[in-house]
Amino acid sequence: MTRVPALLVLACGVVGCSSSTEDVPVGHVFHVDFAATTPHTIDGWVVLSPSETSRAGLVDFATREVTDVSIAAENWSGTHESPTNWSADVDWLPVVAAQGAWTQGLGETTPATVTFRGLAGDYRVEVVAAEGIQAFTQRTTVNGATTTVTRQGAIADSAAWDPQADGTVRSDWLVWPSVTAAGGQITIEQLTGWINAVRLSPAG
């Protein structure tokens, strides 16, 4: 995680002031919705339609300011939208963002990817993959690494994530607690996958 020192004044009196410094995390926060067929807007979110596979100048969710970070997606072959995918707002995830998804069909041999460029430092990466119709497994990595961490603390593995049982039924998603933006990039890769939403925030 990229950090800068911040001055913290503890006490001031007739003999002067005592102070100390502490580290504070620096980085952007991005909320990305991979929308299917129904157009919508969510304040502060980056909402991508199936026809928009790249975008520059992503808006930081925390500051609502345009950044130098871009996003690009490749090899996604379809979309799906259904209220059976997700039923309620959970934490940072509104239901409208989880009900639509971009998909890659079973049997594909080339992974589908989502790449953020222009980042610096370490990020917590959260990937929502939820599907309410049928059970199957998909492999998801971030910068080549799998994870066994989920928001709910469930026993799970991103190498064999079931979007129905692990995602929809549990209202859960995958978490990579700290990913370094190698060369300024973070890449999410899925094989025969399903992606509803992503959140990037400073690690730590």
Protein backbone atom coordinates (compact mmCIF):
# COMPACT_ATOMS: atom_id res chain seq x y z
CA MET A 1 0.00 0.00 0.00
CA THR A 2 1.26 3.46 -0.86
CA ARG A 3 1.32 5.65 2.24
CA VAL A 4 2.20 9.23 3.13
CA PRO A 5 2.87 10.64 6.59
CA ALA A 6 0.08 12.65 8.18
CA LEU A 7 0.67 15.02 11.11
CA LEU A 8 -1.39 14.25 14.19
CA VAL A 9 -1.35 16.90 16.97
CA LEU A 10 -1.84 15.20 20.33
CA ALA A 11 -1.75 18.01 22.86
CA CYS A 12 -0.82 21.66 23.23
CA GLY A 13 -0.11 23.58 26.41
CA VAL A 14 1.98 26.36 27.85
CA VAL A 15 5.16 24.37 27.24
CA GLY A 16 4.37 23.68 23.61
CA CYS A 17 2.76 21.00 21.51
CA SER A 18 3.54 17.32 21.23
CA SER A 19 2.77 15.50 18.03
CA SER A 20 3.36 12.29 16.18
CA THR A 21 2.95 11.06 12.64
CA GLU A 22 0.99 8.11 11.34
CA ASP A 23 0.63 6.52 7.94
CA VAL A 24 -2.56 6.92 5.98
CA PRO A 25 -3.45 4.88 2.86
CA VAL A 26 -3.36 6.59 -0.50
CA GLY A 27 -5.21 5.35 -3.57
CA HIS A 28 -8.42 5.42 -5.50
CA VAL A 29 -11.75 3.69 -4.91
CA PHE A 30 -13.56 2.32 -7.95
CA HIS A 31 -16.96 0.66 -8.09
CA VAL A 32 -17.59 -0.98 -11.47
CA ASP A 33 -20.89 -2.44 -12.65
CA PHE A 34 -20.88 -4.81 -15.64
CA ALA A 35 -24.40 -4.06 -16.81
CA ALA A 36 -26.41 -6.39 -19.03
CA THR A 37 -29.43 -5.06 -20.93
CA THR A 38 -31.13 -2.56 -18.63
CA PRO A 39 -29.46 0.88 -18.73
CA HIS A 40 -29.07 2.57 -15.37
CA THR A 41 -26.82 4.93 -13.43
CA ILE A 42 -25.49 4.59 -9.90
CA ASP A 43 -23.97 7.68 -8.32
CA GLY A 44 -20.19 7.43 -8.30
CA TRP A 45 -20.13 4.08 -10.10
CA VAL A 46 -18.49 3.18 -13.40
CA VAL A 47 -21.31 1.45 -15.30
CA LEU A 48 -20.15 -0.40 -18.40
CA SER A 49 -22.59 -1.60 -21.05
CA PRO A 50 -21.83 -4.70 -23.17
CA SER A 51 -20.88 -2.47 -26.10
CA GLU A 52 -18.40 -0.45 -24.02
CA THR A 53 -15.36 -2.63 -23.48
CA SER A 54 -13.02 0.17 -22.45
CA ARG A 55 -13.13 3.56 -20.76
CA ALA A 56 -10.55 6.17 -19.81
CA GLY A 57 -10.81 8.68 -16.98
CA LEU A 58 -12.56 6.49 -14.41
CA VAL A 59 -14.43 8.34 -11.66
CA ASP A 60 -13.16 7.78 -8.13
CA PHE A 61 -16.13 6.64 -6.04
CA ALA A 62 -14.82 8.29 -2.86
CA THR A 63 -14.08 11.72 -4.32
CA ARG A 64 -16.34 11.71 -7.42
CA GLU A 65 -13.33 13.08 -9.33
CA VAL A 66 -12.10 11.94 -12.73
CA THR A 67 -8.77 10.09 -12.56
CA ASP A 68 -6.07 8.98 -15.00
CA VAL A 69 -7.05 5.33 -14.50
CA SER A 70 -8.59 3.37 -17.38
CA ILE A 71 -10.33 0.01 -17.73
CA ALA A 72 -10.44 -2.48 -20.61
CA ALA A 73 -12.31 -5.79 -20.97
CA GLU A 74 -11.65 -8.62 -23.41
CA ASN A 75 -13.18 -11.97 -24.46
CA TRP A 76 -16.56 -11.60 -22.77
CA SER A 77 -19.11 -13.27 -25.02
CA GLY A 78 -22.54 -12.64 -23.46
CA THR A 79 -24.67 -11.01 -20.78
CA HIS A 80 -27.34 -12.07 -18.33
CA GLU A 81 -29.74 -10.11 -16.16
CA SER A 82 -32.21 -11.51 -13.66
CA PRO A 83 -33.64 -10.64 -10.22
CA THR A 84 -32.74 -14.21 -9.24
CA ASN A 85 -29.05 -13.29 -9.33
CA TRP A 86 -29.19 -10.99 -6.28
CA SER A 87 -32.04 -9.92 -4.01
CA ALA A 88 -30.91 -7.06 -1.74
CA ASP A 89 -28.31 -4.35 -1.12
CA VAL A 90 -25.28 -5.76 0.72
CA ASP A 91 -22.49 -3.57 2.11
CA TRP A 92 -21.19 -1.43 -0.81
CA LEU A 93 -23.09 -3.47 -3.42
CA PRO A 94 -26.56 -2.23 -4.52
CA VAL A 95 -28.90 -4.86 -5.85
CA VAL A 96 -29.12 -3.25 -9.30
CA ALA A 97 -25.37 -3.71 -9.81
CA ALA A 98 -25.48 -7.42 -8.95
CA GLN A 99 -28.48 -8.45 -11.02
CA GLY A 100 -26.74 -7.95 -14.36
CA ALA A 101 -23.53 -9.66 -15.47
CA TRP A 102 -21.11 -10.19 -18.31
CA THR A 103 -20.50 -13.84 -19.12
CA GLN A 104 -18.15 -16.20 -20.88
CA GLY A 105 -19.59 -19.46 -22.16
CA LEU A 106 -18.66 -22.91 -20.91
CA GLY A 107 -15.95 -24.60 -22.91
CA GLU A 108 -13.99 -21.44 -23.64
CA THR A 109 -10.20 -21.86 -23.60
CA THR A 110 -9.17 -18.18 -23.68
CA PRO A 111 -9.82 -16.39 -20.39
CA ALA A 112 -11.94 -13.25 -20.22
CA THR A 113 -10.18 -10.31 -18.62
CA VAL A 114 -10.78 -6.93 -17.00
CA THR A 115 -7.68 -4.74 -16.67
CA PHE A 116 -7.25 -1.49 -14.73
CA ARG A 117 -4.34 0.67 -15.90
CA GLY A 118 -2.74 3.74 -14.33
CA LEU A 119 -2.83 2.53 -10.73
CA ALA A 120 -0.14 2.85 -8.06
CA GLY A 121 0.29 1.00 -4.79
CA ASP A 122 -1.61 -1.92 -3.28
CA TYR A 123 -5.34 -2.51 -3.61
CA ARG A 124 -8.06 -4.61 -2.05
CA VAL A 125 -9.88 -6.24 -4.96
CA GLU A 126 -13.44 -7.52 -4.55
CA VAL A 127 -15.09 -9.49 -7.36
CA VAL A 128 -18.81 -10.30 -7.42
CA ALA A 129 -19.79 -13.37 -9.43
CA ALA A 130 -23.39 -14.34 -8.71
CA GLU A 131 -25.88 -16.32 -10.80
CA GLY A 132 -29.27 -17.60 -9.71
CA ILE A 133 -30.22 -20.09 -12.41
CA GLN A 134 -27.75 -22.96 -12.55
CA ALA A 135 -24.69 -24.32 -10.77
CA PHE A 136 -21.26 -24.36 -12.40
CA THR A 137 -17.70 -23.49 -11.38
CA GLN A 138 -15.37 -20.84 -12.69
CA ARG A 139 -11.76 -19.91 -12.09
CA THR A 140 -10.96 -16.32 -11.13
CA THR A 141 -7.51 -14.83 -10.58
CA VAL A 142 -6.22 -11.32 -9.93
CA ASN A 143 -2.75 -10.61 -11.32
CA GLY A 144 -2.38 -14.37 -11.66
CA ALA A 145 -3.23 -15.26 -8.06
CA THR A 146 -6.24 -17.11 -6.66
CA THR A 147 -7.81 -16.39 -3.27
CA THR A 148 -9.66 -18.28 -0.56
CA VAL A 149 -10.96 -15.09 1.11
CA THR A 150 -14.60 -14.00 0.83
CA ARG A 151 -16.56 -11.13 2.34
CA GLN A 152 -18.55 -13.56 4.52
CA GLY A 153 -15.50 -15.55 5.59
CA ALA A 154 -16.83 -18.69 3.91
CA ILE A 155 -14.73 -21.69 2.91
CA ALA A 156 -14.23 -21.07 -0.78
CA ASP A 157 -11.63 -21.07 -3.54
CA SER A 158 -11.58 -18.68 -6.49
CA ALA A 159 -10.17 -21.54 -8.60
CA ALA A 160 -13.53 -23.31 -8.29
CA TRP A 161 -16.13 -20.64 -7.44
CA ASP A 162 -19.78 -21.52 -7.96
CA PRO A 163 -21.65 -18.26 -8.75
CA GLN A 164 -24.94 -19.82 -7.66
CA ALA A 165 -24.06 -21.68 -4.44
CA ASP A 166 -21.15 -19.47 -3.35
CA GLY A 167 -22.37 -16.15 -4.75
CA THR A 168 -26.16 -15.86 -4.95
CA VAL A 169 -27.19 -18.23 -2.15
CA ARG A 170 -24.66 -16.84 0.35
CA SER A 171 -24.81 -13.21 -0.84
CA ASP A 172 -21.03 -13.46 -0.91
CA TRP A 173 -18.12 -12.49 -3.12
CA LEU A 174 -14.38 -13.02 -3.54
CA VAL A 175 -11.76 -10.78 -1.92
CA TRP A 176 -8.05 -10.32 -2.63
CA PRO A 177 -6.96 -8.32 0.45
CA SER A 178 -3.79 -6.83 -1.06
CA VAL A 179 -2.77 -6.77 -4.72
CA THR A 180 0.16 -4.73 -5.99
CA ALA A 181 -0.53 -2.82 -9.19
CA ALA A 182 2.35 -4.35 -11.14
CA GLY A 183 3.43 -1.90 -13.82
CA GLY A 184 0.40 0.16 -12.83
CA GLN A 185 -1.99 -2.66 -13.74
CA ILE A 186 -4.41 -4.99 -12.01
CA THR A 187 -5.97 -7.70 -14.17
CA ILE A 188 -8.95 -9.85 -13.24
CA GLU A 189 -9.04 -13.05 -15.27
CA GLN A 190 -11.88 -15.56 -15.51
CA LEU A 191 -12.27 -18.80 -17.41
CA THR A 192 -15.85 -19.82 -18.26
CA GLY A 193 -16.76 -16.99 -15.98
CA TRP A 194 -19.40 -14.59 -14.79
CA ILE A 195 -18.77 -11.08 -13.47
CA ASN A 196 -21.37 -8.74 -11.95
CA ALA A 197 -19.38 -6.04 -10.21
CA VAL A 198 -15.89 -5.14 -8.95
CA ARG A 199 -14.60 -2.86 -6.20
CA LEU A 200 -11.03 -1.60 -5.88
CA SER A 201 -9.97 0.26 -2.73
CA PRO A 202 -6.63 0.94 -1.00
CA ALA A 203 -5.32 -2.14 0.82
CA GLY A 204 -4.86 -2.04 4.56
